[in-house]
Amino acid sequence: MAPNSHPLQTTFRTPDTGLIRNKDGLCRNCDKKPARGEHFRKCTGCQLALYCSDACQQEDWGRHKHCNFLQESADEIRGLQADANEEELAILEEKLALRSRLRDYTEAHRLSFRFIVAAQLYLAGAASTPLADDPKVLVVPLRPRPHDDGPSSLDPARAFTAGKGMLLPLTRVLEDSAKSGTRLSEAYAASAGYRERLAAKEAAGNPWFTGLLPVLYRAALGVTTMEFFPQCRPDAPFRGEVTAASERQQVATYSRFIELGVLLRPDPTVSGETTYVPGYLKKAGSRWKWTPLFSTSEWQRTPVAGRQTLLETKLELVRRV
């Protein structure tokens, strides 16, 4: 997905998992109990969350806006709501939380992953070939990090440890998914319209466009998410000089950003153009807010060779506070 295809998220919340225990029909936001004969409205997305009013639903949107991950588990939830033991509920809650954290994590590092993907495609020798001729998918394995102090203490940008991505044939990945009983094949088929619109938009304004590369983030069996990054020929003028050395350095740099929980976001102090600067997520109550580590001028003044050392030093200092 292109960096400018939708705004980059700068505020994140703790995963909302308590939905499956809301058996008493209370308002999801204020815990109000319905009067005799009263029926609260349901979220039209997941058909599970209940709200006593429009105001409560709007107020809760910050927590519930990722209800698409709840939709994916709606059948499981409904099956458990009627008759479930505590062990089953705990397993499902953790699965829902993992899905929520996965979406936050991949959104947090969307730009870094995009730069890594472009570099890896070049190093694999596939950057100049239209991807439609030999469809591939980059599979990125992720390992959840522990959160001994509770889920709310887990920085969304550091919720996982990313392994090295592997370029695999798309048909093989979809076939393996079907055999394992996950819904990846269905989700990919359902994305056809979106992929067509995104590819048409890119091709219309970019003569160097070679196709969309699916990127599959895999955190556990059945806990995955996929996005589609438009790719360009390496001789596109906006890519600058592209060499094997430059692309290996790009992979190393942005992999380190991801490892450290550093996010690239537009500099809020610069108007009229999009300038990305590194920052981190700072906890503020129940939210995590992106906070820049540098201004554009400060970042650009720093020699490229010294940027990582300066970034890590500054990051260590601000996280001590």
Protein backbone atom coordinates (compact mmCIF):
# COMPACT_ATOMS: atom_id res chain seq x y z
CA MET A 1 0.00 0.00 0.00
CA ALA A 2 1.34 3.39 -0.92
CA PRO A 3 2.34 5.65 1.98
CA ASN A 4 -0.23 8.25 0.87
CA SER A 5 -3.06 5.81 0.17
CA HIS A 6 -4.50 6.47 3.61
CA PRO A 7 -3.29 8.55 6.57
CA LEU A 8 -0.62 6.99 8.74
CA GLN A 9 -1.99 6.22 12.19
CA THR A 10 -0.33 8.11 15.04
CA THR A 11 -2.45 7.05 18.05
CA PHE A 12 -2.90 3.46 19.19
CA ARG A 13 -4.93 1.85 21.98
CA THR A 14 -4.65 -1.32 24.03
CA PRO A 15 -6.33 -4.37 22.44
CA ASP A 16 -10.06 -4.58 23.15
CA THR A 17 -10.71 -8.22 24.08
CA GLY A 18 -13.38 -8.09 26.78
CA LEU A 19 -16.15 -8.24 24.19
CA ILE A 20 -16.55 -12.00 24.43
CA ARG A 21 -17.39 -11.73 28.15
CA ASN A 22 -20.13 -9.15 27.63
CA LYS A 23 -22.89 -11.72 28.21
CA ASP A 24 -25.22 -9.41 30.15
CA GLY A 25 -26.09 -7.11 27.25
CA LEU A 26 -24.46 -4.02 28.80
CA CYS A 27 -23.47 -0.97 26.77
CA ARG A 28 -19.93 -1.51 25.52
CA ASN A 29 -18.94 2.04 26.44
CA CYS A 30 -20.70 3.03 29.68
CA ASP A 31 -21.81 -0.38 31.08
CA LYS A 32 -25.42 0.76 31.25
CA LYS A 33 -27.91 -2.09 31.67
CA PRO A 34 -30.90 -2.10 29.31
CA ALA A 35 -34.32 -1.45 30.86
CA ARG A 36 -36.93 -4.20 30.73
CA GLY A 37 -37.87 -4.73 27.07
CA GLU A 38 -35.12 -2.39 25.83
CA HIS A 39 -32.69 -3.63 23.15
CA PHE A 40 -29.40 -1.86 22.58
CA ARG A 41 -28.08 -1.39 19.04
CA LYS A 42 -25.33 -3.63 17.67
CA CYS A 43 -22.21 -2.60 15.82
CA THR A 44 -23.08 -3.22 12.16
CA GLY A 45 -19.55 -4.51 11.55
CA CYS A 46 -19.03 -7.28 14.09
CA GLN A 47 -22.69 -7.66 15.15
CA LEU A 48 -21.46 -8.20 18.70
CA ALA A 49 -20.70 -4.92 20.46
CA LEU A 50 -23.78 -3.27 22.02
CA TYR A 51 -24.35 0.47 22.56
CA CYS A 52 -27.09 2.32 24.37
CA SER A 53 -26.78 5.43 22.15
CA ASP A 54 -25.04 6.96 19.15
CA ALA A 55 -22.96 9.06 21.54
CA CYS A 56 -21.61 5.96 23.31
CA GLN A 57 -20.81 4.23 20.04
CA GLN A 58 -18.94 7.28 18.76
CA GLU A 59 -17.03 7.65 22.04
CA ASP A 60 -15.99 3.98 21.92
CA TRP A 61 -14.84 4.11 18.31
CA GLY A 62 -11.22 4.64 19.29
CA ARG A 63 -11.22 1.22 20.98
CA HIS A 64 -13.54 -0.57 18.60
CA LYS A 65 -12.38 0.75 15.23
CA HIS A 66 -10.56 -2.51 14.51
CA CYS A 67 -13.78 -4.51 14.78
CA ASN A 68 -12.92 -6.13 11.45
CA PHE A 69 -10.62 -8.43 13.41
CA LEU A 70 -13.64 -9.27 15.58
CA GLN A 71 -15.69 -10.01 12.48
CA GLU A 72 -13.14 -12.65 11.51
CA SER A 73 -13.75 -14.37 14.85
CA ALA A 74 -17.48 -13.72 15.12
CA ASP A 75 -18.46 -17.36 14.52
CA GLU A 76 -16.03 -18.53 17.20
CA ILE A 77 -17.30 -15.92 19.64
CA ARG A 78 -20.97 -16.73 19.12
CA GLY A 79 -20.24 -20.42 19.51
CA LEU A 80 -18.56 -19.80 22.84
CA GLN A 81 -20.91 -17.19 24.29
CA ALA A 82 -23.66 -19.69 25.03
CA ASP A 83 -21.60 -22.38 26.73
CA ALA A 84 -17.87 -21.88 27.32
CA ASN A 85 -15.44 -22.65 30.07
CA GLU A 86 -12.80 -20.24 31.34
CA GLU A 87 -9.97 -21.98 29.51
CA GLU A 88 -11.71 -21.64 26.13
CA LEU A 89 -12.52 -18.00 26.80
CA ALA A 90 -8.92 -17.24 27.79
CA ILE A 91 -7.58 -18.85 24.60
CA LEU A 92 -9.98 -16.87 22.41
CA GLU A 93 -9.27 -13.62 24.25
CA GLU A 94 -5.55 -14.06 23.66
CA LYS A 95 -6.18 -14.81 19.99
CA LEU A 96 -8.28 -11.66 19.59
CA ALA A 97 -5.66 -9.60 21.40
CA LEU A 98 -2.94 -11.05 19.15
CA ARG A 99 -4.90 -10.12 16.03
CA SER A 100 -5.42 -6.60 17.31
CA ARG A 101 -1.73 -6.19 18.18
CA LEU A 102 -0.76 -7.56 14.76
CA ARG A 103 -2.80 -4.92 12.96
CA ASP A 104 -1.38 -2.13 15.13
CA TYR A 105 2.18 -3.39 14.68
CA THR A 106 1.99 -3.64 10.88
CA GLU A 107 0.31 -0.25 10.67
CA ALA A 108 2.96 1.28 12.94
CA HIS A 109 5.77 0.05 10.68
CA ARG A 110 3.98 0.34 7.33
CA LEU A 111 6.57 2.68 5.78
CA SER A 112 9.57 0.73 7.06
CA PHE A 113 8.14 -2.55 5.79
CA ARG A 114 7.44 -0.96 2.41
CA PHE A 115 11.05 0.19 2.02
CA ILE A 116 12.32 -3.24 3.08
CA VAL A 117 10.01 -5.01 0.62
CA ALA A 118 11.23 -2.90 -2.32
CA ALA A 119 14.84 -3.61 -1.41
CA GLN A 120 14.32 -7.35 -0.96
CA LEU A 121 12.53 -7.59 -4.30
CA TYR A 122 15.48 -5.88 -5.99
CA LEU A 123 18.02 -8.15 -4.27
CA ALA A 124 16.01 -11.19 -5.36
CA GLY A 125 16.28 -10.04 -8.97
CA ALA A 126 12.53 -9.61 -9.39
CA ALA A 127 12.19 -5.82 -9.24
CA SER A 128 12.25 -5.25 -13.01
CA THR A 129 9.79 -8.05 -13.87
CA PRO A 130 6.03 -7.39 -13.86
CA LEU A 131 4.78 -9.24 -10.81
CA ALA A 132 1.73 -10.53 -12.70
CA ASP A 133 4.03 -12.79 -14.77
CA ASP A 134 5.16 -14.77 -11.74
CA PRO A 135 3.02 -13.87 -8.67
CA LYS A 136 4.93 -13.88 -5.42
CA VAL A 137 4.14 -13.12 -1.80
CA LEU A 138 6.60 -11.95 0.83
CA VAL A 139 5.92 -13.92 4.02
CA VAL A 140 7.13 -12.14 7.18
CA PRO A 141 7.24 -14.38 10.28
CA LEU A 142 6.55 -12.61 13.56
CA ARG A 143 7.05 -13.77 17.13
CA PRO A 144 4.98 -12.15 19.92
CA ARG A 145 6.97 -10.46 22.64
CA PRO A 146 6.05 -11.18 26.27
CA HIS A 147 4.12 -8.63 28.31
CA ASP A 148 4.58 -9.62 31.96
CA ASP A 149 3.23 -6.30 33.25
CA GLY A 150 -0.09 -6.74 31.41
CA PRO A 151 -1.24 -6.04 27.84
CA SER A 152 -1.58 -2.28 28.41
CA SER A 153 2.17 -2.06 29.09
CA LEU A 154 3.07 -3.45 25.66
CA ASP A 155 4.23 -0.84 23.15
CA PRO A 156 2.22 -1.57 19.94
CA ALA A 157 5.33 -0.87 17.86
CA ARG A 158 7.32 -3.49 19.81
CA ALA A 159 4.63 -6.16 20.15
CA PHE A 160 6.50 -8.61 17.90
CA THR A 161 9.95 -9.61 16.78
CA ALA A 162 10.14 -9.77 13.00
CA GLY A 163 12.02 -12.55 11.23
CA LYS A 164 13.50 -12.40 7.75
CA GLY A 165 10.90 -12.21 4.98
CA MET A 166 10.76 -14.99 2.40
CA LEU A 167 9.58 -14.54 -1.21
CA LEU A 168 7.36 -17.51 -2.03
CA PRO A 169 5.03 -18.39 -4.92
CA LEU A 170 1.59 -16.96 -4.18
CA THR A 171 -0.21 -20.10 -5.38
CA ARG A 172 1.77 -22.26 -2.97
CA VAL A 173 0.99 -20.03 0.03
CA LEU A 174 -2.73 -19.96 -0.79
CA GLU A 175 -2.83 -23.74 -1.29
CA ASP A 176 -1.05 -24.32 2.04
CA SER A 177 -3.53 -21.99 3.71
CA ALA A 178 -6.50 -23.92 2.34
CA LYS A 179 -5.00 -27.21 3.56
CA SER A 180 -4.47 -25.83 7.07
CA GLY A 181 -8.06 -24.62 7.28
CA THR A 182 -7.29 -20.90 7.60
CA ARG A 183 -9.20 -18.26 5.63
CA LEU A 184 -6.33 -16.68 3.76
CA SER A 185 -7.50 -17.91 0.35
CA GLU A 186 -10.97 -16.49 0.96
CA ALA A 187 -9.55 -13.16 2.13
CA TYR A 188 -7.27 -12.93 -0.91
CA ALA A 189 -10.13 -13.64 -3.29
CA ALA A 190 -12.29 -11.05 -1.52
CA SER A 191 -9.56 -8.42 -2.03
CA ALA A 192 -9.72 -8.68 -5.84
CA GLY A 193 -11.69 -5.47 -6.29
CA TYR A 194 -9.40 -3.50 -4.01
CA ARG A 195 -6.30 -4.85 -5.76
CA GLU A 196 -7.67 -3.91 -9.17
CA ARG A 197 -8.47 -0.36 -8.05
CA LEU A 198 -5.08 0.10 -6.40
CA ALA A 199 -3.18 -1.28 -9.42
CA ALA A 200 -5.18 0.89 -11.85
CA LYS A 201 -4.51 3.98 -9.76
CA GLU A 202 -0.78 3.28 -9.59
CA ALA A 203 -0.47 2.43 -13.30
CA ALA A 204 -2.30 5.59 -14.32
CA GLY A 205 0.21 7.89 -12.66
CA ASN A 206 3.39 5.84 -12.58
CA PRO A 207 4.98 4.51 -15.80
CA TRP A 208 7.53 2.56 -13.72
CA PHE A 209 4.85 0.53 -11.91
CA THR A 210 5.43 -3.25 -12.16
CA GLY A 211 2.62 -4.63 -10.01
CA LEU A 212 1.43 -5.27 -6.47
CA LEU A 213 3.42 -7.45 -4.12
CA PRO A 214 1.31 -9.10 -1.38
CA VAL A 215 2.99 -9.11 2.02
CA LEU A 216 1.73 -11.68 4.51
CA TYR A 217 2.50 -11.10 8.17
CA ARG A 218 2.19 -14.36 10.09
CA ALA A 219 2.08 -14.25 13.90
CA ALA A 220 0.49 -17.65 14.60
CA LEU A 221 -1.78 -20.18 12.94
CA GLY A 222 -4.87 -18.26 11.85
CA VAL A 223 -3.42 -14.95 13.07
CA THR A 224 -2.23 -13.23 9.91
CA THR A 225 -2.81 -10.06 7.96
CA MET A 226 -1.95 -9.14 4.37
CA GLU A 227 -1.33 -5.87 2.59
CA PHE A 228 -0.33 -4.98 -0.95
CA PHE A 229 2.66 -2.79 -1.76
CA PRO A 230 2.93 -1.24 -5.26
CA GLN A 231 6.37 -1.91 -6.75
CA CYS A 232 8.37 0.07 -9.31
CA ARG A 233 11.28 -0.60 -11.63
CA PRO A 234 14.63 0.16 -10.01
CA ASP A 235 15.36 2.83 -12.66
CA ALA A 236 12.44 4.98 -11.49
CA PRO A 237 13.93 8.46 -10.99
CA PHE A 238 12.42 8.94 -7.53
CA ARG A 239 14.34 5.90 -6.23
CA GLY A 240 17.73 7.50 -6.78
CA GLU A 241 20.77 5.33 -7.39
CA VAL A 242 19.85 1.73 -6.67
CA THR A 243 22.62 -0.84 -6.12
CA ALA A 244 22.91 -4.10 -4.25
CA ALA A 245 24.88 -2.27 -1.54
CA SER A 246 22.29 0.51 -1.20
CA GLU A 247 19.42 -1.98 -0.95
CA ARG A 248 21.19 -4.11 1.65
CA GLN A 249 21.76 -0.95 3.67
CA GLN A 250 18.08 -0.05 3.30
CA VAL A 251 17.04 -3.45 4.63
CA ALA A 252 19.45 -3.12 7.58
CA THR A 253 18.35 0.43 8.44
CA TYR A 254 14.61 -0.14 8.42
CA SER A 255 14.87 -3.56 10.05
CA ARG A 256 16.64 -1.81 12.91
CA PHE A 257 13.87 0.81 13.05
CA ILE A 258 11.31 -1.98 13.41
CA GLU A 259 13.38 -3.77 16.06
CA LEU A 260 13.66 -0.57 18.11
CA GLY A 261 9.98 0.36 17.74
CA VAL A 262 10.84 3.48 15.72
CA LEU A 263 8.10 4.77 13.38
CA LEU A 264 8.38 7.05 10.39
CA ARG A 265 5.62 9.67 10.25
CA PRO A 266 5.15 13.08 8.59
CA ASP A 267 6.84 15.92 10.46
CA PRO A 268 3.93 17.90 12.02
CA THR A 269 5.98 21.11 11.94
CA VAL A 270 6.44 21.09 8.15
CA SER A 271 3.57 22.26 5.95
CA GLY A 272 3.13 22.04 2.19
CA GLU A 273 5.12 18.83 1.71
CA THR A 274 5.35 15.36 3.23
CA THR A 275 8.58 14.94 5.15
CA TYR A 276 9.03 11.78 7.20
CA VAL A 277 10.96 11.75 10.47
CA PRO A 278 11.56 8.95 13.00
CA GLY A 279 9.68 8.87 16.28
CA TYR A 280 8.44 6.45 18.92
CA LEU A 281 5.18 5.61 20.70
CA LYS A 282 4.84 7.28 24.09
CA LYS A 283 2.24 6.03 26.55
CA ALA A 284 -0.39 8.61 27.52
CA GLY A 285 -3.08 7.09 29.73
CA SER A 286 -4.75 4.27 27.79
CA ARG A 287 -3.23 5.42 24.49
CA TRP A 288 0.12 5.29 22.78
CA LYS A 289 0.93 8.46 20.83
CA TRP A 290 3.59 8.93 18.16
CA THR A 291 6.21 11.44 19.30
CA PRO A 292 8.92 12.67 16.91
CA LEU A 293 12.55 12.24 17.94
CA PHE A 294 13.83 14.84 15.46
CA SER A 295 12.63 17.75 13.40
CA THR A 296 13.16 17.56 9.65
CA SER A 297 16.02 20.04 9.72
CA GLU A 298 17.76 18.26 12.61
CA TRP A 299 17.41 14.87 10.92
CA GLN A 300 18.61 16.12 7.55
CA ARG A 301 21.61 17.90 9.10
CA THR A 302 22.81 14.68 10.69
CA PRO A 303 25.30 12.81 8.46
CA VAL A 304 23.77 9.56 7.19
CA ALA A 305 26.61 7.53 8.72
CA GLY A 306 25.85 8.91 12.19
CA ARG A 307 22.06 8.84 12.16
CA GLN A 308 21.52 5.42 13.68
CA THR A 309 23.87 6.03 16.61
CA LEU A 310 22.26 9.40 17.33
CA LEU A 311 18.76 7.92 17.03
CA GLU A 312 19.50 5.06 19.42
CA THR A 313 21.10 7.41 21.94
CA LYS A 314 18.16 9.80 21.89
CA LEU A 315 15.64 6.96 22.01
CA GLU A 316 17.29 5.47 25.10
CA LEU A 317 17.16 8.85 26.83
CA VAL A 318 13.48 9.57 26.16
CA ARG A 319 12.40 6.09 27.19
CA ARG A 320 14.08 6.51 30.56
CA VAL A 321 11.78 9.43 31.38
